[in-house]
Amino acid sequence: LGDFDEPQRSSITMFGVLTIAVRIYQDRWGYGIYSGPIGSAVF
C-alpha cells in the first residue's frame, strides 16, 4: 500500500520478514505479534 521504490521496498519487506520471525518465536499469543508489524508499517 505504501508504494515504495526500489531498493526501499525490498529492504523494508525483508526487515519485516526477519523481525516478525524472531518476535513470534518468542511469543505467539501476545498483542505484539500483530500490533508490532502494523504499527511499524503505518509509521
PDB file of all heavy atoms in Angstrom:
ATOM      1  N   LEU A   1       0.825  -1.210   0.000  1.00  0.00           N
ATOM      2  CA  LEU A   1       0.000   0.000   0.000  1.00  0.00           C
ATOM      3  C   LEU A   1       0.857   1.258   0.000  1.00  0.00           C
ATOM      4  O   LEU A   1       0.496   2.268  -0.613  1.00  0.00           O
ATOM      5  CB  LEU A   1      -0.920  -0.015   1.223  1.00  0.00           C
ATOM      6  CG  LEU A   1      -1.794   1.219   1.454  1.00  0.00           C
ATOM      7  CD1 LEU A   1      -2.808   1.383   0.321  1.00  0.00           C
ATOM      8  CD2 LEU A   1      -2.510   1.134   2.798  1.00  0.00           C
ATOM      9  N   GLY A   2       2.009   1.217   0.667  1.00  0.00           N
ATOM     10  CA  GLY A   2       2.883   2.382   0.713  1.00  0.00           C
ATOM     11  C   GLY A   2       3.498   2.751  -0.616  1.00  0.00           C
ATOM     12  O   GLY A   2       3.942   3.891  -0.800  1.00  0.00           O
ATOM     13  N   ASP A   3       3.562   1.806  -1.571  1.00  0.00           N
ATOM     14  CA  ASP A   3       4.082   2.063  -2.918  1.00  0.00           C
ATOM     15  C   ASP A   3       5.499   2.644  -2.861  1.00  0.00           C
ATOM     16  O   ASP A   3       5.787   3.727  -3.362  1.00  0.00           O
ATOM     17  CB  ASP A   3       3.155   3.020  -3.679  1.00  0.00           C
ATOM     18  CG  ASP A   3       3.459   3.054  -5.165  1.00  0.00           C
ATOM     19  OD1 ASP A   3       4.080   2.088  -5.668  1.00  0.00           O
ATOM     20  OD2 ASP A   3       3.078   4.038  -5.840  1.00  0.00           O
ATOM     21  N   PHE A   4       6.395   1.877  -2.249  1.00  0.00           N
ATOM     22  CA  PHE A   4       7.787   2.319  -2.120  1.00  0.00           C
ATOM     23  C   PHE A   4       8.565   1.986  -3.391  1.00  0.00           C
ATOM     24  O   PHE A   4       8.210   1.070  -4.139  1.00  0.00           O
ATOM     25  CB  PHE A   4       8.452   1.629  -0.926  1.00  0.00           C
ATOM     26  CG  PHE A   4       7.902   2.057   0.401  1.00  0.00           C
ATOM     27  CD1 PHE A   4       6.852   1.362   0.995  1.00  0.00           C
ATOM     28  CD2 PHE A   4       8.430   3.155   1.059  1.00  0.00           C
ATOM     29  CE1 PHE A   4       6.348   1.754   2.225  1.00  0.00           C
ATOM     30  CE2 PHE A   4       7.927   3.552   2.291  1.00  0.00           C
ATOM     31  CZ  PHE A   4       6.883   2.851   2.871  1.00  0.00           C
ATOM     32  N   ASP A   5       9.618   2.748  -3.619  1.00  0.00           N
ATOM     33  CA  ASP A   5      10.516   2.488  -4.730  1.00  0.00           C
ATOM     34  C   ASP A   5      11.578   1.484  -4.298  1.00  0.00           C
ATOM     35  O   ASP A   5      11.792   1.234  -3.114  1.00  0.00           O
ATOM     36  CB  ASP A   5      11.180   3.783  -5.213  1.00  0.00           C
ATOM     37  CG  ASP A   5      10.158   4.774  -5.757  1.00  0.00           C
ATOM     38  OD1 ASP A   5       9.149   4.321  -6.340  1.00  0.00           O
ATOM     39  OD2 ASP A   5      10.354   5.994  -5.578  1.00  0.00           O
ATOM     40  N   GLU A   6      12.236   0.930  -5.295  1.00  0.00           N
ATOM     41  CA  GLU A   6      13.361   0.038  -5.025  1.00  0.00           C
ATOM     42  C   GLU A   6      14.627   0.866  -4.809  1.00  0.00           C
ATOM     43  O   GLU A   6      14.800   1.909  -5.436  1.00  0.00           O
ATOM     44  CB  GLU A   6      13.558  -0.931  -6.193  1.00  0.00           C
ATOM     45  CG  GLU A   6      12.447  -1.949  -6.360  1.00  0.00           C
ATOM     46  CD  GLU A   6      12.393  -2.965  -5.221  1.00  0.00           C
ATOM     47  OE1 GLU A   6      13.365  -3.016  -4.435  1.00  0.00           O
ATOM     48  OE2 GLU A   6      11.386  -3.671  -5.116  1.00  0.00           O
ATOM     49  N   PRO A   7      15.518   0.463  -3.918  1.00  0.00           N
ATOM     50  CA  PRO A   7      15.520  -0.784  -3.138  1.00  0.00           C
ATOM     51  C   PRO A   7      14.841  -0.671  -1.784  1.00  0.00           C
ATOM     52  O   PRO A   7      14.968  -1.580  -0.971  1.00  0.00           O
ATOM     53  CB  PRO A   7      17.013  -1.061  -2.973  1.00  0.00           C
ATOM     54  CG  PRO A   7      17.612   0.307  -2.879  1.00  0.00           C
ATOM     55  CD  PRO A   7      16.797   1.189  -3.779  1.00  0.00           C
ATOM     56  N   GLN A   8      14.134   0.458  -1.503  1.00  0.00           N
ATOM     57  CA  GLN A   8      13.494   0.594  -0.203  1.00  0.00           C
ATOM     58  C   GLN A   8      12.432  -0.481   0.008  1.00  0.00           C
ATOM     59  O   GLN A   8      12.291  -1.025   1.120  1.00  0.00           O
ATOM     60  CB  GLN A   8      12.848   1.978  -0.075  1.00  0.00           C
ATOM     61  CG  GLN A   8      13.822   3.125   0.072  1.00  0.00           C
ATOM     62  CD  GLN A   8      14.336   3.623  -1.250  1.00  0.00           C
ATOM     63  OE1 GLN A   8      13.912   3.151  -2.295  1.00  0.00           O
ATOM     64  NE2 GLN A   8      15.254   4.574  -1.205  1.00  0.00           N
ATOM     65  N   ARG A   9      11.716  -0.812  -1.044  1.00  0.00           N
ATOM     66  CA  ARG A   9      10.627  -1.772  -0.901  1.00  0.00           C
ATOM     67  C   ARG A   9      11.138  -3.153  -0.475  1.00  0.00           C
ATOM     68  O   ARG A   9      10.641  -3.761   0.474  1.00  0.00           O
ATOM     69  CB  ARG A   9       9.859  -1.874  -2.215  1.00  0.00           C
ATOM     70  CG  ARG A   9       8.655  -2.782  -2.148  1.00  0.00           C
ATOM     71  CD  ARG A   9       8.088  -3.022  -3.534  1.00  0.00           C
ATOM     72  NE  ARG A   9       6.910  -3.861  -3.494  1.00  0.00           N
ATOM     73  CZ  ARG A   9       6.429  -4.508  -4.546  1.00  0.00           C
ATOM     74  NH1 ARG A   9       7.044  -4.408  -5.704  1.00  0.00           N
ATOM     75  NH2 ARG A   9       5.342  -5.241  -4.436  1.00  0.00           N
ATOM     76  N   SER A  10      12.123  -3.657  -1.195  1.00  0.00           N
ATOM     77  CA  SER A  10      12.653  -4.979  -0.856  1.00  0.00           C
ATOM     78  C   SER A  10      13.357  -4.981   0.497  1.00  0.00           C
ATOM     79  O   SER A  10      13.280  -5.956   1.245  1.00  0.00           O
ATOM     80  CB  SER A  10      13.615  -5.447  -1.948  1.00  0.00           C
ATOM     81  OG  SER A  10      14.663  -4.517  -2.120  1.00  0.00           O
ATOM     82  N   SER A  11      14.034  -3.904   0.839  1.00  0.00           N
ATOM     83  CA  SER A  11      14.737  -3.833   2.119  1.00  0.00           C
ATOM     84  C   SER A  11      13.751  -3.813   3.289  1.00  0.00           C
ATOM     85  O   SER A  11      13.940  -4.525   4.293  1.00  0.00           O
ATOM     86  CB  SER A  11      15.622  -2.590   2.161  1.00  0.00           C
ATOM     87  OG  SER A  11      16.561  -2.609   1.104  1.00  0.00           O
ATOM     88  N   ILE A  12      12.693  -3.011   3.160  1.00  0.00           N
ATOM     89  CA  ILE A  12      11.698  -2.940   4.235  1.00  0.00           C
ATOM     90  C   ILE A  12      10.958  -4.268   4.366  1.00  0.00           C
ATOM     91  O   ILE A  12      10.673  -4.740   5.481  1.00  0.00           O
ATOM     92  CB  ILE A  12      10.716  -1.784   3.959  1.00  0.00           C
ATOM     93  CG1 ILE A  12      11.446  -0.443   4.026  1.00  0.00           C
ATOM     94  CG2 ILE A  12       9.572  -1.799   4.954  1.00  0.00           C
ATOM     95  CD1 ILE A  12      10.593   0.739   3.636  1.00  0.00           C
ATOM     96  N   THR A  13      10.652  -4.899   3.232  1.00  0.00           N
ATOM     97  CA  THR A  13       9.968  -6.192   3.284  1.00  0.00           C
ATOM     98  C   THR A  13      10.813  -7.247   3.977  1.00  0.00           C
ATOM     99  O   THR A  13      10.330  -8.000   4.832  1.00  0.00           O
ATOM    100  CB  THR A  13       9.619  -6.653   1.861  1.00  0.00           C
ATOM    101  OG1 THR A  13       8.806  -5.661   1.230  1.00  0.00           O
ATOM    102  CG2 THR A  13       8.862  -7.969   1.889  1.00  0.00           C
ATOM    103  N   MET A  14      12.090  -7.313   3.645  1.00  0.00           N
ATOM    104  CA  MET A  14      12.969  -8.296   4.275  1.00  0.00           C
ATOM    105  C   MET A  14      13.182  -7.989   5.753  1.00  0.00           C
ATOM    106  O   MET A  14      13.298  -8.919   6.577  1.00  0.00           O
ATOM    107  CB  MET A  14      14.311  -8.327   3.539  1.00  0.00           C
ATOM    108  CG  MET A  14      15.262  -9.391   4.045  1.00  0.00           C
ATOM    109  SD  MET A  14      14.538 -11.047   4.039  1.00  0.00           S
ATOM    110  CE  MET A  14      14.186 -11.264   2.298  1.00  0.00           C
ATOM    111  N   PHE A  15      13.193  -6.729   6.109  1.00  0.00           N
ATOM    112  CA  PHE A  15      13.300  -6.360   7.527  1.00  0.00           C
ATOM    113  C   PHE A  15      12.110  -6.918   8.309  1.00  0.00           C
ATOM    114  O   PHE A  15      12.266  -7.462   9.414  1.00  0.00           O
ATOM    115  CB  PHE A  15      13.366  -4.837   7.659  1.00  0.00           C
ATOM    116  CG  PHE A  15      13.270  -4.346   9.083  1.00  0.00           C
ATOM    117  CD1 PHE A  15      14.372  -4.406   9.922  1.00  0.00           C
ATOM    118  CD2 PHE A  15      12.077  -3.818   9.567  1.00  0.00           C
ATOM    119  CE1 PHE A  15      14.283  -3.958  11.232  1.00  0.00           C
ATOM    120  CE2 PHE A  15      11.983  -3.374  10.873  1.00  0.00           C
ATOM    121  CZ  PHE A  15      13.083  -3.433  11.714  1.00  0.00           C
ATOM    122  N   GLY A  16      10.922  -6.811   7.752  1.00  0.00           N
ATOM    123  CA  GLY A  16       9.742  -7.357   8.414  1.00  0.00           C
ATOM    124  C   GLY A  16       9.756  -8.871   8.469  1.00  0.00           C
ATOM    125  O   GLY A  16       9.334  -9.468   9.469  1.00  0.00           O
ATOM    126  N   VAL A  17      10.211  -9.512   7.408  1.00  0.00           N
ATOM    127  CA  VAL A  17      10.268 -10.978   7.389  1.00  0.00           C
ATOM    128  C   VAL A  17      11.147 -11.505   8.520  1.00  0.00           C
ATOM    129  O   VAL A  17      10.793 -12.475   9.220  1.00  0.00           O
ATOM    130  CB  VAL A  17      10.787 -11.466   6.018  1.00  0.00           C
ATOM    131  CG1 VAL A  17      11.092 -12.950   6.057  1.00  0.00           C
ATOM    132  CG2 VAL A  17       9.760 -11.174   4.934  1.00  0.00           C
ATOM    133  N   LEU A  18      12.288 -10.875   8.754  1.00  0.00           N
ATOM    134  CA  LEU A  18      13.229 -11.361   9.774  1.00  0.00           C
ATOM    135  C   LEU A  18      12.752 -11.031  11.189  1.00  0.00           C
ATOM    136  O   LEU A  18      12.801 -11.879  12.089  1.00  0.00           O
ATOM    137  CB  LEU A  18      14.607 -10.761   9.519  1.00  0.00           C
ATOM    138  CG  LEU A  18      15.240 -11.109   8.160  1.00  0.00           C
ATOM    139  CD1 LEU A  18      16.572 -10.391   7.997  1.00  0.00           C
ATOM    140  CD2 LEU A  18      15.425 -12.608   8.018  1.00  0.00           C
ATOM    141  N   THR A  19      12.315  -9.799  11.390  1.00  0.00           N
ATOM    142  CA  THR A  19      11.919  -9.391  12.737  1.00  0.00           C
ATOM    143  C   THR A  19      10.636 -10.087  13.192  1.00  0.00           C
ATOM    144  O   THR A  19      10.501 -10.434  14.376  1.00  0.00           O
ATOM    145  CB  THR A  19      11.738  -7.873  12.795  1.00  0.00           C
ATOM    146  OG1 THR A  19      10.815  -7.465  11.762  1.00  0.00           O
ATOM    147  CG2 THR A  19      13.066  -7.167  12.587  1.00  0.00           C
ATOM    148  N   ILE A  20       9.686 -10.302  12.288  1.00  0.00           N
ATOM    149  CA  ILE A  20       8.446 -10.983  12.660  1.00  0.00           C
ATOM    150  C   ILE A  20       8.730 -12.434  13.043  1.00  0.00           C
ATOM    151  O   ILE A  20       8.129 -12.979  13.980  1.00  0.00           O
ATOM    152  CB  ILE A  20       7.432 -10.907  11.507  1.00  0.00           C
ATOM    153  CG1 ILE A  20       6.947  -9.467  11.332  1.00  0.00           C
ATOM    154  CG2 ILE A  20       6.234 -11.813  11.759  1.00  0.00           C
ATOM    155  CD1 ILE A  20       6.084  -9.267  10.104  1.00  0.00           C
ATOM    156  N   ALA A  21       9.653 -13.078  12.328  1.00  0.00           N
ATOM    157  CA  ALA A  21      10.001 -14.464  12.658  1.00  0.00           C
ATOM    158  C   ALA A  21      10.564 -14.562  14.071  1.00  0.00           C
ATOM    159  O   ALA A  21      10.208 -15.478  14.836  1.00  0.00           O
ATOM    160  CB  ALA A  21      10.997 -15.001  11.638  1.00  0.00           C
ATOM    161  N   VAL A  22      11.427 -13.630  14.452  1.00  0.00           N
ATOM    162  CA  VAL A  22      12.015 -13.656  15.795  1.00  0.00           C
ATOM    163  C   VAL A  22      10.965 -13.328  16.855  1.00  0.00           C
ATOM    164  O   VAL A  22      10.894 -13.965  17.920  1.00  0.00           O
ATOM    165  CB  VAL A  22      13.203 -12.677  15.871  1.00  0.00           C
ATOM    166  CG1 VAL A  22      13.771 -12.625  17.284  1.00  0.00           C
ATOM    167  CG2 VAL A  22      14.282 -13.085  14.879  1.00  0.00           C
ATOM    168  N   ARG A  23      10.117 -12.344  16.556  1.00  0.00           N
ATOM    169  CA  ARG A  23       9.109 -11.921  17.549  1.00  0.00           C
ATOM    170  C   ARG A  23       8.098 -13.028  17.823  1.00  0.00           C
ATOM    171  O   ARG A  23       7.737 -13.283  18.993  1.00  0.00           O
ATOM    172  CB  ARG A  23       8.393 -10.668  17.021  1.00  0.00           C
ATOM    173  CG  ARG A  23       7.259 -10.185  17.908  1.00  0.00           C
ATOM    174  CD  ARG A  23       7.789  -9.727  19.259  1.00  0.00           C
ATOM    175  NE  ARG A  23       6.725  -9.284  20.131  1.00  0.00           N
ATOM    176  CZ  ARG A  23       5.995 -10.073  20.925  1.00  0.00           C
ATOM    177  NH1 ARG A  23       6.247 -11.387  20.936  1.00  0.00           N
ATOM    178  NH2 ARG A  23       5.065  -9.600  21.706  1.00  0.00           N
ATOM    179  N   ILE A  24       7.637 -13.706  16.805  1.00  0.00           N
ATOM    180  CA  ILE A  24       6.631 -14.748  17.010  1.00  0.00           C
ATOM    181  C   ILE A  24       7.252 -15.977  17.645  1.00  0.00           C
ATOM    182  O   ILE A  24       6.588 -16.704  18.392  1.00  0.00           O
ATOM    183  CB  ILE A  24       5.945 -15.085  15.672  1.00  0.00           C
ATOM    184  CG1 ILE A  24       5.176 -13.867  15.176  1.00  0.00           C
ATOM    185  CG2 ILE A  24       5.008 -16.273  15.805  1.00  0.00           C
ATOM    186  CD1 ILE A  24       4.490 -14.060  13.856  1.00  0.00           C
ATOM    187  N   TYR A  25       8.506 -16.237  17.399  1.00  0.00           N
ATOM    188  CA  TYR A  25       9.157 -17.365  18.065  1.00  0.00           C
ATOM    189  C   TYR A  25       9.235 -17.134  19.576  1.00  0.00           C
ATOM    190  O   TYR A  25       9.174 -18.076  20.369  1.00  0.00           O
ATOM    191  CB  TYR A  25      10.563 -17.557  17.495  1.00  0.00           C
ATOM    192  CG  TYR A  25      11.281 -18.763  18.050  1.00  0.00           C
ATOM    193  CD1 TYR A  25      11.014 -20.045  17.571  1.00  0.00           C
ATOM    194  CD2 TYR A  25      12.227 -18.620  19.063  1.00  0.00           C
ATOM    195  CE1 TYR A  25      11.667 -21.148  18.080  1.00  0.00           C
ATOM    196  CE2 TYR A  25      12.883 -19.721  19.584  1.00  0.00           C
ATOM    197  CZ  TYR A  25      12.597 -20.988  19.080  1.00  0.00           C
ATOM    198  OH  TYR A  25      13.241 -22.071  19.605  1.00  0.00           O
ATOM    199  N   GLN A  26       9.340 -15.877  19.958  1.00  0.00           N
ATOM    200  CA  GLN A  26       9.411 -15.554  21.381  1.00  0.00           C
ATOM    201  C   GLN A  26       8.041 -15.643  22.040  1.00  0.00           C
ATOM    202  O   GLN A  26       7.909 -16.148  23.159  1.00  0.00           O
ATOM    203  CB  GLN A  26       9.996 -14.153  21.559  1.00  0.00           C
ATOM    204  CG  GLN A  26      10.143 -13.719  23.012  1.00  0.00           C
ATOM    205  CD  GLN A  26      10.693 -12.317  23.123  1.00  0.00           C
ATOM    206  OE1 GLN A  26      10.929 -11.641  22.123  1.00  0.00           O
ATOM    207  NE2 GLN A  26      10.908 -11.875  24.358  1.00  0.00           N
ATOM    208  N   ASP A  27       7.001 -15.152  21.359  1.00  0.00           N
ATOM    209  CA  ASP A  27       5.657 -15.152  21.940  1.00  0.00           C
ATOM    210  C   ASP A  27       4.649 -15.203  20.799  1.00  0.00           C
ATOM    211  O   ASP A  27       4.672 -14.353  19.907  1.00  0.00           O
ATOM    212  CB  ASP A  27       5.430 -13.891  22.779  1.00  0.00           C
ATOM    213  CG  ASP A  27       4.056 -13.888  23.448  1.00  0.00           C
ATOM    214  OD1 ASP A  27       3.413 -14.960  23.489  1.00  0.00           O
ATOM    215  OD2 ASP A  27       3.645 -12.818  23.920  1.00  0.00           O
ATOM    216  N   ARG A  28       3.759 -16.186  20.811  1.00  0.00           N
ATOM    217  CA  ARG A  28       2.802 -16.383  19.716  1.00  0.00           C
ATOM    218  C   ARG A  28       1.409 -15.872  20.033  1.00  0.00           C
ATOM    219  O   ARG A  28       0.544 -15.894  19.153  1.00  0.00           O
ATOM    220  CB  ARG A  28       2.708 -17.867  19.367  1.00  0.00           C
ATOM    221  CG  ARG A  28       4.035 -18.503  19.035  1.00  0.00           C
ATOM    222  CD  ARG A  28       3.892 -19.978  18.781  1.00  0.00           C
ATOM    223  NE  ARG A  28       5.195 -20.638  18.715  1.00  0.00           N
ATOM    224  CZ  ARG A  28       5.364 -21.950  18.588  1.00  0.00           C
ATOM    225  NH1 ARG A  28       4.305 -22.743  18.518  1.00  0.00           N
ATOM    226  NH2 ARG A  28       6.575 -22.460  18.540  1.00  0.00           N
ATOM    227  N   TRP A  29       1.149 -15.480  21.255  1.00  0.00           N
ATOM    228  CA  TRP A  29      -0.216 -15.151  21.633  1.00  0.00           C
ATOM    229  C   TRP A  29      -0.372 -13.731  22.144  1.00  0.00           C
ATOM    230  O   TRP A  29      -1.489 -13.312  22.449  1.00  0.00           O
ATOM    231  CB  TRP A  29      -0.705 -16.126  22.717  1.00  0.00           C
ATOM    232  CG  TRP A  29      -0.649 -17.541  22.255  1.00  0.00           C
ATOM    233  CD1 TRP A  29       0.201 -18.521  22.674  1.00  0.00           C
ATOM    234  CD2 TRP A  29      -1.462 -18.138  21.249  1.00  0.00           C
ATOM    235  NE1 TRP A  29      -0.028 -19.690  22.016  1.00  0.00           N
ATOM    236  CE2 TRP A  29      -1.061 -19.493  21.130  1.00  0.00           C
ATOM    237  CE3 TRP A  29      -2.506 -17.680  20.440  1.00  0.00           C
ATOM    238  CZ2 TRP A  29      -1.640 -20.376  20.235  1.00  0.00           C
ATOM    239  CZ3 TRP A  29      -3.098 -18.553  19.555  1.00  0.00           C
ATOM    240  CH2 TRP A  29      -2.671 -19.882  19.458  1.00  0.00           C
ATOM    241  N   GLY A  30       0.685 -12.982  22.271  1.00  0.00           N
ATOM    242  CA  GLY A  30       0.569 -11.615  22.770  1.00  0.00           C
ATOM    243  C   GLY A  30       0.035 -10.669  21.710  1.00  0.00           C
ATOM    244  O   GLY A  30      -0.032 -10.975  20.511  1.00  0.00           O
ATOM    245  N   TYR A  31      -0.328  -9.474  22.151  1.00  0.00           N
ATOM    246  CA  TYR A  31      -0.828  -8.465  21.218  1.00  0.00           C
ATOM    247  C   TYR A  31       0.278  -7.965  20.278  1.00  0.00           C
ATOM    248  O   TYR A  31      -0.008  -7.455  19.198  1.00  0.00           O
ATOM    249  CB  TYR A  31      -1.409  -7.283  21.998  1.00  0.00           C
ATOM    250  CG  TYR A  31      -2.603  -7.632  22.850  1.00  0.00           C
ATOM    251  CD1 TYR A  31      -2.481  -7.762  24.226  1.00  0.00           C
ATOM    252  CD2 TYR A  31      -3.854  -7.841  22.277  1.00  0.00           C
ATOM    253  CE1 TYR A  31      -3.574  -8.080  25.017  1.00  0.00           C
ATOM    254  CE2 TYR A  31      -4.947  -8.163  23.054  1.00  0.00           C
ATOM    255  CZ  TYR A  31      -4.804  -8.284  24.422  1.00  0.00           C
ATOM    256  OH  TYR A  31      -5.885  -8.616  25.190  1.00  0.00           O
ATOM    257  N   GLY A  32       1.522  -8.106  20.697  1.00  0.00           N
ATOM    258  CA  GLY A  32       2.616  -7.581  19.894  1.00  0.00           C
ATOM    259  C   GLY A  32       2.864  -8.308  18.595  1.00  0.00           C
ATOM    260  O   GLY A  32       3.526  -7.778  17.700  1.00  0.00           O
ATOM    261  N   ILE A  33       2.338  -9.527  18.444  1.00  0.00           N
ATOM    262  CA  ILE A  33       2.593 -10.267  17.211  1.00  0.00           C
ATOM    263  C   ILE A  33       1.943  -9.583  16.013  1.00  0.00           C
ATOM    264  O   ILE A  33       2.419  -9.716  14.877  1.00  0.00           O
ATOM    265  CB  ILE A  33       2.089 -11.713  17.334  1.00  0.00           C
ATOM    266  CG1 ILE A  33       0.588 -11.745  17.674  1.00  0.00           C
ATOM    267  CG2 ILE A  33       2.892 -12.465  18.366  1.00  0.00           C
ATOM    268  CD1 ILE A  33       0.003 -13.136  17.707  1.00  0.00           C
ATOM    269  N   TYR A  34       0.852  -8.845  16.241  1.00  0.00           N
ATOM    270  CA  TYR A  34       0.187  -8.124  15.160  1.00  0.00           C
ATOM    271  C   TYR A  34       0.340  -6.610  15.292  1.00  0.00           C
ATOM    272  O   TYR A  34       0.454  -5.907  14.279  1.00  0.00           O
ATOM    273  CB  TYR A  34      -1.295  -8.479  15.119  1.00  0.00           C
ATOM    274  CG  TYR A  34      -1.575  -9.942  14.845  1.00  0.00           C
ATOM    275  CD1 TYR A  34      -2.619 -10.604  15.478  1.00  0.00           C
ATOM    276  CD2 TYR A  34      -0.772 -10.669  13.961  1.00  0.00           C
ATOM    277  CE1 TYR A  34      -2.867 -11.951  15.229  1.00  0.00           C
ATOM    278  CE2 TYR A  34      -1.009 -12.013  13.721  1.00  0.00           C
ATOM    279  CZ  TYR A  34      -2.058 -12.651  14.355  1.00  0.00           C
ATOM    280  OH  TYR A  34      -2.298 -13.986  14.112  1.00  0.00           O
ATOM    281  N   SER A  35       0.337  -6.115  16.531  1.00  0.00           N
ATOM    282  CA  SER A  35       0.453  -4.666  16.712  1.00  0.00           C
ATOM    283  C   SER A  35       1.839  -4.152  16.326  1.00  0.00           C
ATOM    284  O   SER A  35       1.972  -3.021  15.840  1.00  0.00           O
ATOM    285  CB  SER A  35       0.152  -4.292  18.164  1.00  0.00           C
ATOM    286  OG  SER A  35       1.095  -4.905  19.036  1.00  0.00           O
ATOM    287  N   GLY A  36       2.862  -4.979  16.529  1.00  0.00           N
ATOM    288  CA  GLY A  36       4.209  -4.561  16.135  1.00  0.00           C
ATOM    289  C   GLY A  36       4.353  -4.344  14.636  1.00  0.00           C
ATOM    290  O   GLY A  36       4.752  -3.251  14.199  1.00  0.00           O
ATOM    291  N   PRO A  37       4.041  -5.352  13.801  1.00  0.00           N
ATOM    292  CA  PRO A  37       4.135  -5.138  12.352  1.00  0.00           C
ATOM    293  C   PRO A  37       3.207  -4.036  11.840  1.00  0.00           C
ATOM    294  O   PRO A  37       3.605  -3.230  10.989  1.00  0.00           O
ATOM    295  CB  PRO A  37       3.746  -6.501  11.772  1.00  0.00           C
ATOM    296  CG  PRO A  37       4.037  -7.473  12.851  1.00  0.00           C
ATOM    297  CD  PRO A  37       3.768  -6.759  14.135  1.00  0.00           C
ATOM    298  N   ILE A  38       1.984  -3.987  12.364  1.00  0.00           N
ATOM    299  CA  ILE A  38       1.040  -2.973  11.886  1.00  0.00           C
ATOM    300  C   ILE A  38       1.513  -1.574  12.272  1.00  0.00           C
ATOM    301  O   ILE A  38       1.511  -0.645  11.444  1.00  0.00           O
ATOM    302  CB  ILE A  38      -0.366  -3.251  12.458  1.00  0.00           C
ATOM    303  CG1 ILE A  38      -0.921  -4.545  11.866  1.00  0.00           C
ATOM    304  CG2 ILE A  38      -1.305  -2.092  12.149  1.00  0.00           C
ATOM    305  CD1 ILE A  38      -2.256  -4.968  12.457  1.00  0.00           C
ATOM    306  N   GLY A  39       1.939  -1.392  13.519  1.00  0.00           N
ATOM    307  CA  GLY A  39       2.397  -0.077  13.950  1.00  0.00           C
ATOM    308  C   GLY A  39       3.636   0.386  13.200  1.00  0.00           C
ATOM    309  O   GLY A  39       3.736   1.557  12.805  1.00  0.00           O
ATOM    310  N   SER A  40       4.586  -0.530  12.986  1.00  0.00           N
ATOM    311  CA  SER A  40       5.807  -0.156  12.253  1.00  0.00           C
ATOM    312  C   SER A  40       5.494   0.216  10.806  1.00  0.00           C
ATOM    313  O   SER A  40       6.022   1.206  10.279  1.00  0.00           O
ATOM    314  CB  SER A  40       6.810  -1.309  12.301  1.00  0.00           C
ATOM    315  OG  SER A  40       7.135  -1.646  13.632  1.00  0.00           O
ATOM    316  N   ALA A  41       4.644  -0.572  10.148  1.00  0.00           N
ATOM    317  CA  ALA A  41       4.303  -0.287   8.755  1.00  0.00           C
ATOM    318  C   ALA A  41       3.542   1.021   8.624  1.00  0.00           C
ATOM    319  O   ALA A  41       3.794   1.816   7.700  1.00  0.00           O
ATOM    320  CB  ALA A  41       3.482  -1.444   8.180  1.00  0.00           C
ATOM    321  N   VAL A  42       2.607   1.280   9.545  1.00  0.00           N
ATOM    322  CA  VAL A  42       1.844   2.533   9.496  1.00  0.00           C
ATOM    323  C   VAL A  42       2.759   3.730   9.707  1.00  0.00           C
ATOM    324  O   VAL A  42       2.617   4.774   9.034  1.00  0.00           O
ATOM    325  CB  VAL A  42       0.716   2.504  10.546  1.00  0.00           C
ATOM    326  CG1 VAL A  42       0.079   3.882  10.690  1.00  0.00           C
ATOM    327  CG2 VAL A  42      -0.350   1.491  10.145  1.00  0.00           C
ATOM    328  N   PHE A  43       3.731   3.605  10.598  1.00  0.00           N
ATOM    329  CA  PHE A  43       4.672   4.705  10.831  1.00  0.00           C
ATOM    330  C   PHE A  43       5.517   4.982   9.590  1.00  0.00           C
ATOM    331  O   PHE A  43       5.702   6.143   9.190  1.00  0.00           O
ATOM    332  CB  PHE A  43       5.566   4.362  12.023  1.00  0.00           C
ATOM    333  CG  PHE A  43       6.647   5.372  12.278  1.00  0.00           C
ATOM    334  CD1 PHE A  43       6.350   6.587  12.873  1.00  0.00           C
ATOM    335  CD2 PHE A  43       7.957   5.111  11.908  1.00  0.00           C
ATOM    336  CE1 PHE A  43       7.358   7.521  13.112  1.00  0.00           C
ATOM    337  CE2 PHE A  43       8.960   6.034  12.137  1.00  0.00           C
ATOM    338  CZ  PHE A  43       8.660   7.248  12.743  1.00  0.00           C
TER     339      PHE A  43
END
